[in-house]
Amino acid sequence: MTLEAFQVFADDSYTEEYYVVGGFLAPIGVWEDFTPEWYAALKEPPRLGYYTTNDALGLKGPFAGWCEAARNVRMAKLASAIPTENCWGVAAHLLVSDFKDIFTEMFPEWNDPYYLCADYLVLEVCRFLLFERVVEKVDFIFDRQGKVGRHYRRHYDIAVKPMALGVLPFLGECRHEDKRDFLPLQAADMNAAWVRRREATIQLWTTADPYLRNLQQFDFKVERSWLEKVAKFRKEHAEEIKAYWDRRTIPE
């Protein structure tokens, strides 16, 4: 049996109501085939330097001066470039109100739901691969998040990976890149925004949605009950957790 190397490309999308970290999981070879197709869709006239859903829906940034009809055609064209085989949409998402109720006062250092959603995405993707595929390794490439991204990578390297390697020996590296340079991150942006719109109370439709809806999607919803269990564990083991971090953390 041939071992496969996978990559997850993920981005975040959020409103005051809902928070999502999502994108796509695929073998490295699939991403290599995907990149020229997405690039070709970007460079059709009128050319786009890069894609983000926020810019597309707001007709700003690289979409400044576009009409809605041209925007809609391009979104559909880009979405059609996303592979339909051996590629899975993945997304971890939660209600912001649940996060604020349970975490913001008890754990002020975790006052951004990005950390929890990214953790949940990593662990649920690995759980899927553990039982469904023959995996050499899986790397996680997130869109650049500034200070939050740097903190999450330290958390991944110091806590997530060392604690999980015993049962997830294929867990690879985590890094953050600029979506302008990494085309799969632009597709991740599209999928994360779609999941967030789909879960929102007021739903908006785009011409990319029919293509995204036809892809195999794994939704990892962070339930309030799970948040409560994690919060309880952190409260009960606060001293041990602090000691663990103190032994391994190097000042920035």
C-alpha atoms as a PDB file:
ATOM      1  CA  MET A   1       0.000   0.000   0.000  1.00  0.00           C
ATOM      2  CA  THR A   2       1.358   3.429  -0.986  1.00  0.00           C
ATOM      3  CA  LEU A   3       1.680   6.020   1.743  1.00  0.00           C
ATOM      4  CA  GLU A   4       0.136   9.371   0.876  1.00  0.00           C
ATOM      5  CA  ALA A   5       1.273  12.844   1.953  1.00  0.00           C
ATOM      6  CA  PHE A   6      -1.558  15.309   2.523  1.00  0.00           C
ATOM      7  CA  GLN A   7      -1.881  19.043   2.955  1.00  0.00           C
ATOM      8  CA  VAL A   8      -4.700  21.050   4.497  1.00  0.00           C
ATOM      9  CA  PHE A   9      -5.069  24.656   3.378  1.00  0.00           C
ATOM     10  CA  ALA A  10      -7.327  26.637   5.710  1.00  0.00           C
ATOM     11  CA  ASP A  11      -8.511  30.187   6.293  1.00  0.00           C
ATOM     12  CA  ASP A  12     -10.897  31.845   8.715  1.00  0.00           C
ATOM     13  CA  SER A  13     -14.221  33.559   8.067  1.00  0.00           C
ATOM     14  CA  TYR A  14     -16.404  35.189  10.677  1.00  0.00           C
ATOM     15  CA  THR A  15     -19.139  37.574  11.676  1.00  0.00           C
ATOM     16  CA  GLU A  16     -20.307  38.640  15.117  1.00  0.00           C
ATOM     17  CA  GLU A  17     -22.528  35.538  15.044  1.00  0.00           C
ATOM     18  CA  TYR A  18     -20.348  32.739  13.667  1.00  0.00           C
ATOM     19  CA  TYR A  19     -16.674  31.788  13.379  1.00  0.00           C
ATOM     20  CA  VAL A  20     -15.161  29.313  10.898  1.00  0.00           C
ATOM     21  CA  VAL A  21     -11.707  27.946  10.163  1.00  0.00           C
ATOM     22  CA  GLY A  22     -12.025  25.909   7.006  1.00  0.00           C
ATOM     23  CA  GLY A  23     -10.637  24.975   3.629  1.00  0.00           C
ATOM     24  CA  PHE A  24      -9.638  21.799   1.844  1.00  0.00           C
ATOM     25  CA  LEU A  25      -7.763  18.557   2.489  1.00  0.00           C
ATOM     26  CA  ALA A  26      -6.082  16.744  -0.408  1.00  0.00           C
ATOM     27  CA  PRO A  27      -2.954  14.750  -1.292  1.00  0.00           C
ATOM     28  CA  ILE A  28      -0.005  16.898  -2.402  1.00  0.00           C
ATOM     29  CA  GLY A  29      -0.368  15.690  -6.000  1.00  0.00           C
ATOM     30  CA  VAL A  30      -3.922  17.014  -6.167  1.00  0.00           C
ATOM     31  CA  TRP A  31      -2.745  20.449  -5.070  1.00  0.00           C
ATOM     32  CA  GLU A  32      -0.020  20.405  -7.721  1.00  0.00           C
ATOM     33  CA  ASP A  33      -2.660  19.783 -10.403  1.00  0.00           C
ATOM     34  CA  PHE A  34      -5.071  22.335  -8.916  1.00  0.00           C
ATOM     35  CA  THR A  35      -2.689  25.314  -8.859  1.00  0.00           C
ATOM     36  CA  PRO A  36      -2.388  25.937 -12.643  1.00  0.00           C
ATOM     37  CA  GLU A  37      -6.171  25.617 -13.075  1.00  0.00           C
ATOM     38  CA  TRP A  38      -6.932  28.217 -10.401  1.00  0.00           C
ATOM     39  CA  TYR A  39      -4.170  30.458 -11.781  1.00  0.00           C
ATOM     40  CA  ALA A  40      -5.648  30.238 -15.293  1.00  0.00           C
ATOM     41  CA  ALA A  41      -9.073  31.230 -13.924  1.00  0.00           C
ATOM     42  CA  LEU A  42      -7.521  34.215 -12.151  1.00  0.00           C
ATOM     43  CA  LYS A  43      -5.770  35.406 -15.298  1.00  0.00           C
ATOM     44  CA  GLU A  44      -8.748  35.355 -17.642  1.00  0.00           C
ATOM     45  CA  PRO A  45      -9.574  38.921 -18.695  1.00  0.00           C
ATOM     46  CA  PRO A  46     -10.084  41.036 -16.729  1.00  0.00           C
ATOM     47  CA  ARG A  47      -7.123  39.640 -14.765  1.00  0.00           C
ATOM     48  CA  LEU A  48      -7.206  39.184 -10.994  1.00  0.00           C
ATOM     49  CA  GLY A  49      -4.078  39.395  -8.889  1.00  0.00           C
ATOM     50  CA  TYR A  50      -5.659  37.174  -6.219  1.00  0.00           C
ATOM     51  CA  TYR A  51      -9.041  36.165  -4.819  1.00  0.00           C
ATOM     52  CA  THR A  52     -10.774  36.746  -1.502  1.00  0.00           C
ATOM     53  CA  THR A  53     -14.502  36.345  -0.943  1.00  0.00           C
ATOM     54  CA  ASN A  54     -14.706  39.554   1.053  1.00  0.00           C
ATOM     55  CA  ASP A  55     -13.266  41.535  -1.862  1.00  0.00           C
ATOM     56  CA  ALA A  56     -15.463  39.740  -4.373  1.00  0.00           C
ATOM     57  CA  LEU A  57     -18.720  40.331  -2.512  1.00  0.00           C
ATOM     58  CA  GLY A  58     -17.771  43.930  -1.715  1.00  0.00           C
ATOM     59  CA  LEU A  59     -16.498  44.664  -5.248  1.00  0.00           C
ATOM     60  CA  LYS A  60     -13.294  46.057  -3.764  1.00  0.00           C
ATOM     61  CA  GLY A  61      -9.578  45.291  -3.796  1.00  0.00           C
ATOM     62  CA  PRO A  62      -8.825  43.319  -6.985  1.00  0.00           C
ATOM     63  CA  PHE A  63     -12.564  43.413  -7.820  1.00  0.00           C
ATOM     64  CA  ALA A  64     -12.792  47.221  -7.652  1.00  0.00           C
ATOM     65  CA  GLY A  65     -14.585  48.545 -10.719  1.00  0.00           C
ATOM     66  CA  TRP A  66     -16.135  45.179 -11.609  1.00  0.00           C
ATOM     67  CA  CYS A  67     -19.863  44.785 -12.193  1.00  0.00           C
ATOM     68  CA  GLU A  68     -21.808  42.116 -10.326  1.00  0.00           C
ATOM     69  CA  ALA A  69     -22.343  40.007 -13.441  1.00  0.00           C
ATOM     70  CA  ALA A  70     -18.603  39.783 -14.189  1.00  0.00           C
ATOM     71  CA  ARG A  71     -17.890  39.059 -10.531  1.00  0.00           C
ATOM     72  CA  ASN A  72     -20.441  36.252 -10.516  1.00  0.00           C
ATOM     73  CA  VAL A  73     -18.990  34.643 -13.645  1.00  0.00           C
ATOM     74  CA  ARG A  74     -15.490  34.723 -12.179  1.00  0.00           C
ATOM     75  CA  MET A  75     -16.510  33.263  -8.819  1.00  0.00           C
ATOM     76  CA  ALA A  76     -18.190  30.362 -10.602  1.00  0.00           C
ATOM     77  CA  LYS A  77     -15.144  29.843 -12.823  1.00  0.00           C
ATOM     78  CA  LEU A  78     -12.791  29.749  -9.845  1.00  0.00           C
ATOM     79  CA  ALA A  79     -15.040  27.391  -7.887  1.00  0.00           C
ATOM     80  CA  SER A  80     -15.174  25.023 -10.871  1.00  0.00           C
ATOM     81  CA  ALA A  81     -11.374  24.688 -10.695  1.00  0.00           C
ATOM     82  CA  ILE A  82     -11.529  23.055  -7.243  1.00  0.00           C
ATOM     83  CA  PRO A  83     -10.943  19.280  -7.589  1.00  0.00           C
ATOM     84  CA  THR A  84     -13.980  17.055  -7.197  1.00  0.00           C
ATOM     85  CA  GLU A  85     -12.056  13.826  -6.560  1.00  0.00           C
ATOM     86  CA  ASN A  86      -9.653  12.987  -3.740  1.00  0.00           C
ATOM     87  CA  CYS A  87     -10.279  16.410  -2.211  1.00  0.00           C
ATOM     88  CA  TRP A  88     -12.461  17.187   0.795  1.00  0.00           C
ATOM     89  CA  GLY A  89     -13.877  20.408   2.132  1.00  0.00           C
ATOM     90  CA  VAL A  90     -13.150  20.664   5.864  1.00  0.00           C
ATOM     91  CA  ALA A  91     -14.345  23.223   8.370  1.00  0.00           C
ATOM     92  CA  ALA A  92     -14.448  23.674  12.147  1.00  0.00           C
ATOM     93  CA  HIS A  93     -16.957  26.270  13.275  1.00  0.00           C
ATOM     94  CA  LEU A  94     -18.734  27.564  16.348  1.00  0.00           C
ATOM     95  CA  LEU A  95     -21.203  30.124  17.588  1.00  0.00           C
ATOM     96  CA  VAL A  96     -19.350  33.174  18.842  1.00  0.00           C
ATOM     97  CA  SER A  97     -21.877  33.496  21.686  1.00  0.00           C
ATOM     98  CA  ASP A  98     -20.945  29.999  22.953  1.00  0.00           C
ATOM     99  CA  PHE A  99     -17.276  30.894  22.884  1.00  0.00           C
ATOM    100  CA  LYS A 100     -17.789  34.159  24.750  1.00  0.00           C
ATOM    101  CA  ASP A 101     -20.031  32.557  27.386  1.00  0.00           C
ATOM    102  CA  ILE A 102     -17.517  29.820  28.220  1.00  0.00           C
ATOM    103  CA  PHE A 103     -14.007  31.031  27.419  1.00  0.00           C
ATOM    104  CA  THR A 104     -13.473  34.761  27.410  1.00  0.00           C
ATOM    105  CA  GLU A 105     -13.717  35.284  31.158  1.00  0.00           C
ATOM    106  CA  MET A 106     -12.195  31.988  32.275  1.00  0.00           C
ATOM    107  CA  PHE A 107      -9.319  32.015  29.774  1.00  0.00           C
ATOM    108  CA  PRO A 108      -8.598  35.591  28.668  1.00  0.00           C
ATOM    109  CA  GLU A 109      -5.414  34.467  26.885  1.00  0.00           C
ATOM    110  CA  TRP A 110      -7.660  32.423  24.562  1.00  0.00           C
ATOM    111  CA  ASN A 111      -9.879  35.369  23.691  1.00  0.00           C
ATOM    112  CA  ASP A 112      -9.885  34.594  19.950  1.00  0.00           C
ATOM    113  CA  PRO A 113     -11.946  31.623  18.683  1.00  0.00           C
ATOM    114  CA  TYR A 114      -9.326  31.058  15.981  1.00  0.00           C
ATOM    115  CA  TYR A 115      -7.210  28.931  18.341  1.00  0.00           C
ATOM    116  CA  LEU A 116     -10.011  26.555  19.265  1.00  0.00           C
ATOM    117  CA  CYS A 117     -11.336  26.194  15.734  1.00  0.00           C
ATOM    118  CA  ALA A 118      -7.853  25.570  14.351  1.00  0.00           C
ATOM    119  CA  ASP A 119      -7.204  22.923  17.029  1.00  0.00           C
ATOM    120  CA  TYR A 120     -10.524  21.259  16.344  1.00  0.00           C
ATOM    121  CA  LEU A 121      -9.876  21.239  12.607  1.00  0.00           C
ATOM    122  CA  VAL A 122      -6.422  19.662  13.058  1.00  0.00           C
ATOM    123  CA  LEU A 123      -7.656  16.908  15.359  1.00  0.00           C
ATOM    124  CA  GLU A 124     -10.794  16.063  13.376  1.00  0.00           C
ATOM    125  CA  VAL A 125      -8.915  15.937  10.068  1.00  0.00           C
ATOM    126  CA  CYS A 126      -6.368  13.601  11.660  1.00  0.00           C
ATOM    127  CA  ARG A 127      -9.147  11.423  13.043  1.00  0.00           C
ATOM    128  CA  PHE A 128     -10.628  11.090   9.554  1.00  0.00           C
ATOM    129  CA  LEU A 129      -7.248  10.215   8.019  1.00  0.00           C
ATOM    130  CA  LEU A 130      -6.439   7.734  10.788  1.00  0.00           C
ATOM    131  CA  PHE A 131      -9.387   5.538   9.874  1.00  0.00           C
ATOM    132  CA  GLU A 132      -9.836   6.224   6.166  1.00  0.00           C
ATOM    133  CA  ARG A 133      -6.435   6.629   4.491  1.00  0.00           C
ATOM    134  CA  VAL A 134      -2.865   5.285   4.522  1.00  0.00           C
ATOM    135  CA  VAL A 135      -1.002   8.431   5.536  1.00  0.00           C
ATOM    136  CA  GLU A 136       2.675   9.328   5.489  1.00  0.00           C
ATOM    137  CA  LYS A 137       2.063  12.796   6.908  1.00  0.00           C
ATOM    138  CA  VAL A 138      -0.344  15.707   6.854  1.00  0.00           C
ATOM    139  CA  ASP A 139       0.751  19.336   6.994  1.00  0.00           C
ATOM    140  CA  PHE A 140      -1.496  22.276   7.869  1.00  0.00           C
ATOM    141  CA  ILE A 141      -1.030  25.540   5.991  1.00  0.00           C
ATOM    142  CA  PHE A 142      -3.136  28.390   7.334  1.00  0.00           C
ATOM    143  CA  ASP A 143      -3.572  31.879   5.963  1.00  0.00           C
ATOM    144  CA  ARG A 144      -1.298  34.397   7.657  1.00  0.00           C
ATOM    145  CA  GLN A 145      -2.870  35.732  10.856  1.00  0.00           C
ATOM    146  CA  GLY A 146      -0.231  38.109  12.194  1.00  0.00           C
ATOM    147  CA  LYS A 147       0.348  37.792  15.937  1.00  0.00           C
ATOM    148  CA  VAL A 148      -2.486  35.279  16.347  1.00  0.00           C
ATOM    149  CA  GLY A 149      -0.910  33.048  13.717  1.00  0.00           C
ATOM    150  CA  ARG A 150       2.516  33.174  15.389  1.00  0.00           C
ATOM    151  CA  HIS A 151       0.963  32.294  18.739  1.00  0.00           C
ATOM    152  CA  TYR A 152      -1.016  29.434  17.241  1.00  0.00           C
ATOM    153  CA  ARG A 153       2.058  27.939  15.599  1.00  0.00           C
ATOM    154  CA  ARG A 154       3.884  28.002  18.958  1.00  0.00           C
ATOM    155  CA  HIS A 155       0.868  26.350  20.556  1.00  0.00           C
ATOM    156  CA  TYR A 156       0.846  23.703  17.816  1.00  0.00           C
ATOM    157  CA  ASP A 157       4.578  23.000  18.136  1.00  0.00           C
ATOM    158  CA  ILE A 158       4.661  23.034  21.946  1.00  0.00           C
ATOM    159  CA  ALA A 159       1.352  21.407  22.862  1.00  0.00           C
ATOM    160  CA  VAL A 160      -0.698  19.924  20.021  1.00  0.00           C
ATOM    161  CA  LYS A 161       1.956  18.005  18.106  1.00  0.00           C
ATOM    162  CA  PRO A 162       3.962  16.557  21.033  1.00  0.00           C
ATOM    163  CA  MET A 163       0.807  15.391  22.793  1.00  0.00           C
ATOM    164  CA  ALA A 164      -0.755  13.864  19.661  1.00  0.00           C
ATOM    165  CA  LEU A 165       2.199  12.139  17.996  1.00  0.00           C
ATOM    166  CA  GLY A 166       1.705   8.962  20.034  1.00  0.00           C
ATOM    167  CA  VAL A 167      -1.616   8.286  18.331  1.00  0.00           C
ATOM    168  CA  LEU A 168      -1.139  10.472  15.245  1.00  0.00           C
ATOM    169  CA  PRO A 169       2.409   9.705  14.076  1.00  0.00           C
ATOM    170  CA  PHE A 170       1.712  11.284  10.692  1.00  0.00           C
ATOM    171  CA  LEU A 171       1.038  14.755  12.133  1.00  0.00           C
ATOM    172  CA  GLY A 172       3.276  17.124  10.185  1.00  0.00           C
ATOM    173  CA  GLU A 173       4.120  20.797  10.361  1.00  0.00           C
ATOM    174  CA  CYS A 174       1.937  23.843  10.820  1.00  0.00           C
ATOM    175  CA  ARG A 175       2.747  27.115   9.128  1.00  0.00           C
ATOM    176  CA  HIS A 176       1.046  30.325   8.038  1.00  0.00           C
ATOM    177  CA  GLU A 177       1.443  31.777   4.546  1.00  0.00           C
ATOM    178  CA  ASP A 178       0.101  34.690   2.493  1.00  0.00           C
ATOM    179  CA  LYS A 179      -2.887  33.665   0.387  1.00  0.00           C
ATOM    180  CA  ARG A 180      -1.701  36.010  -2.369  1.00  0.00           C
ATOM    181  CA  ASP A 181       1.243  33.661  -2.880  1.00  0.00           C
ATOM    182  CA  PHE A 182      -0.408  30.308  -2.086  1.00  0.00           C
ATOM    183  CA  LEU A 183      -3.309  29.728  -4.450  1.00  0.00           C
ATOM    184  CA  PRO A 184      -4.868  26.843  -2.468  1.00  0.00           C
ATOM    185  CA  LEU A 185      -5.378  29.324   0.380  1.00  0.00           C
ATOM    186  CA  GLN A 186      -7.596  31.373  -1.922  1.00  0.00           C
ATOM    187  CA  ALA A 187      -9.771  28.310  -2.479  1.00  0.00           C
ATOM    188  CA  ALA A 188      -9.758  27.780   1.297  1.00  0.00           C
ATOM    189  CA  ASP A 189     -11.007  31.347   1.726  1.00  0.00           C
ATOM    190  CA  MET A 190     -13.875  30.568  -0.642  1.00  0.00           C
ATOM    191  CA  ASN A 191     -14.882  27.429   1.245  1.00  0.00           C
ATOM    192  CA  ALA A 192     -14.590  28.947   4.719  1.00  0.00           C
ATOM    193  CA  ALA A 193     -16.770  31.881   3.651  1.00  0.00           C
ATOM    194  CA  TRP A 194     -19.347  29.493   2.172  1.00  0.00           C
ATOM    195  CA  VAL A 195     -19.575  27.458   5.390  1.00  0.00           C
ATOM    196  CA  ARG A 196     -19.972  30.635   7.425  1.00  0.00           C
ATOM    197  CA  ARG A 197     -22.705  31.979   5.115  1.00  0.00           C
ATOM    198  CA  ARG A 198     -24.471  28.620   5.168  1.00  0.00           C
ATOM    199  CA  GLU A 199     -24.561  28.566   8.977  1.00  0.00           C
ATOM    200  CA  ALA A 200     -25.577  32.203   9.378  1.00  0.00           C
ATOM    201  CA  THR A 201     -29.087  33.240  10.345  1.00  0.00           C
ATOM    202  CA  ILE A 202     -29.277  35.430   7.244  1.00  0.00           C
ATOM    203  CA  GLN A 203     -27.895  33.415   4.343  1.00  0.00           C
ATOM    204  CA  LEU A 204     -26.420  34.912   1.193  1.00  0.00           C
ATOM    205  CA  TRP A 205     -26.035  33.005  -2.080  1.00  0.00           C
ATOM    206  CA  THR A 206     -23.161  33.246  -4.580  1.00  0.00           C
ATOM    207  CA  THR A 207     -22.451  31.647  -7.938  1.00  0.00           C
ATOM    208  CA  ALA A 208     -19.652  29.612  -6.315  1.00  0.00           C
ATOM    209  CA  ASP A 209     -22.073  27.825  -3.988  1.00  0.00           C
ATOM    210  CA  PRO A 210     -23.417  25.170  -6.411  1.00  0.00           C
ATOM    211  CA  TYR A 211     -19.849  23.954  -7.047  1.00  0.00           C
ATOM    212  CA  LEU A 212     -18.935  23.974  -3.355  1.00  0.00           C
ATOM    213  CA  ARG A 213     -22.154  22.169  -2.457  1.00  0.00           C
ATOM    214  CA  ASN A 214     -21.228  19.315  -4.795  1.00  0.00           C
ATOM    215  CA  LEU A 215     -17.862  18.713  -3.144  1.00  0.00           C
ATOM    216  CA  GLN A 216     -17.538  16.216  -0.323  1.00  0.00           C
ATOM    217  CA  GLN A 217     -17.621  18.346   2.810  1.00  0.00           C
ATOM    218  CA  PHE A 218     -16.728  17.440   6.392  1.00  0.00           C
ATOM    219  CA  ASP A 219     -18.245  19.799   8.921  1.00  0.00           C
ATOM    220  CA  PHE A 220     -16.691  19.722  12.375  1.00  0.00           C
ATOM    221  CA  LYS A 221     -19.102  21.747  14.452  1.00  0.00           C
ATOM    222  CA  VAL A 222     -17.748  22.738  17.842  1.00  0.00           C
ATOM    223  CA  GLU A 223     -20.693  22.041  20.109  1.00  0.00           C
ATOM    224  CA  ARG A 224     -21.306  23.976  23.298  1.00  0.00           C
ATOM    225  CA  SER A 225     -21.068  20.737  25.303  1.00  0.00           C
ATOM    226  CA  TRP A 226     -17.535  20.139  23.977  1.00  0.00           C
ATOM    227  CA  LEU A 227     -16.506  23.681  24.853  1.00  0.00           C
ATOM    228  CA  GLU A 228     -17.798  23.138  28.386  1.00  0.00           C
ATOM    229  CA  LYS A 229     -15.754  19.945  28.772  1.00  0.00           C
ATOM    230  CA  VAL A 230     -12.575  21.646  27.543  1.00  0.00           C
ATOM    231  CA  ALA A 231     -13.171  24.637  29.807  1.00  0.00           C
ATOM    232  CA  LYS A 232     -13.713  22.336  32.787  1.00  0.00           C
ATOM    233  CA  PHE A 233     -10.500  20.422  32.042  1.00  0.00           C
ATOM    234  CA  ARG A 234      -8.482  23.618  31.708  1.00  0.00           C
ATOM    235  CA  LYS A 235      -9.883  24.954  34.973  1.00  0.00           C
ATOM    236  CA  GLU A 236      -9.185  21.719  36.878  1.00  0.00           C
ATOM    237  CA  HIS A 237      -5.663  21.350  35.482  1.00  0.00           C
ATOM    238  CA  ALA A 238      -4.659  25.012  35.268  1.00  0.00           C
ATOM    239  CA  GLU A 239      -1.474  24.567  37.333  1.00  0.00           C
ATOM    240  CA  GLU A 240      -0.238  21.559  35.349  1.00  0.00           C
ATOM    241  CA  ILE A 241      -0.949  23.316  32.057  1.00  0.00           C
ATOM    242  CA  LYS A 242       0.913  26.435  33.176  1.00  0.00           C
ATOM    243  CA  ALA A 243       3.879  24.369  34.343  1.00  0.00           C
ATOM    244  CA  TYR A 244       3.989  22.528  31.015  1.00  0.00           C
ATOM    245  CA  TRP A 245       4.056  25.793  29.090  1.00  0.00           C
ATOM    246  CA  ASP A 246       6.624  27.377  31.409  1.00  0.00           C
ATOM    247  CA  ARG A 247       9.020  24.475  30.787  1.00  0.00           C
ATOM    248  CA  ARG A 248       8.704  24.657  27.011  1.00  0.00           C
ATOM    249  CA  THR A 249       8.063  28.281  26.148  1.00  0.00           C
ATOM    250  CA  ILE A 250      10.885  30.429  24.859  1.00  0.00           C
ATOM    251  CA  PRO A 251      10.240  34.184  25.250  1.00  0.00           C
ATOM    252  CA  GLU A 252       9.507  35.921  21.942  1.00  0.00           C
END
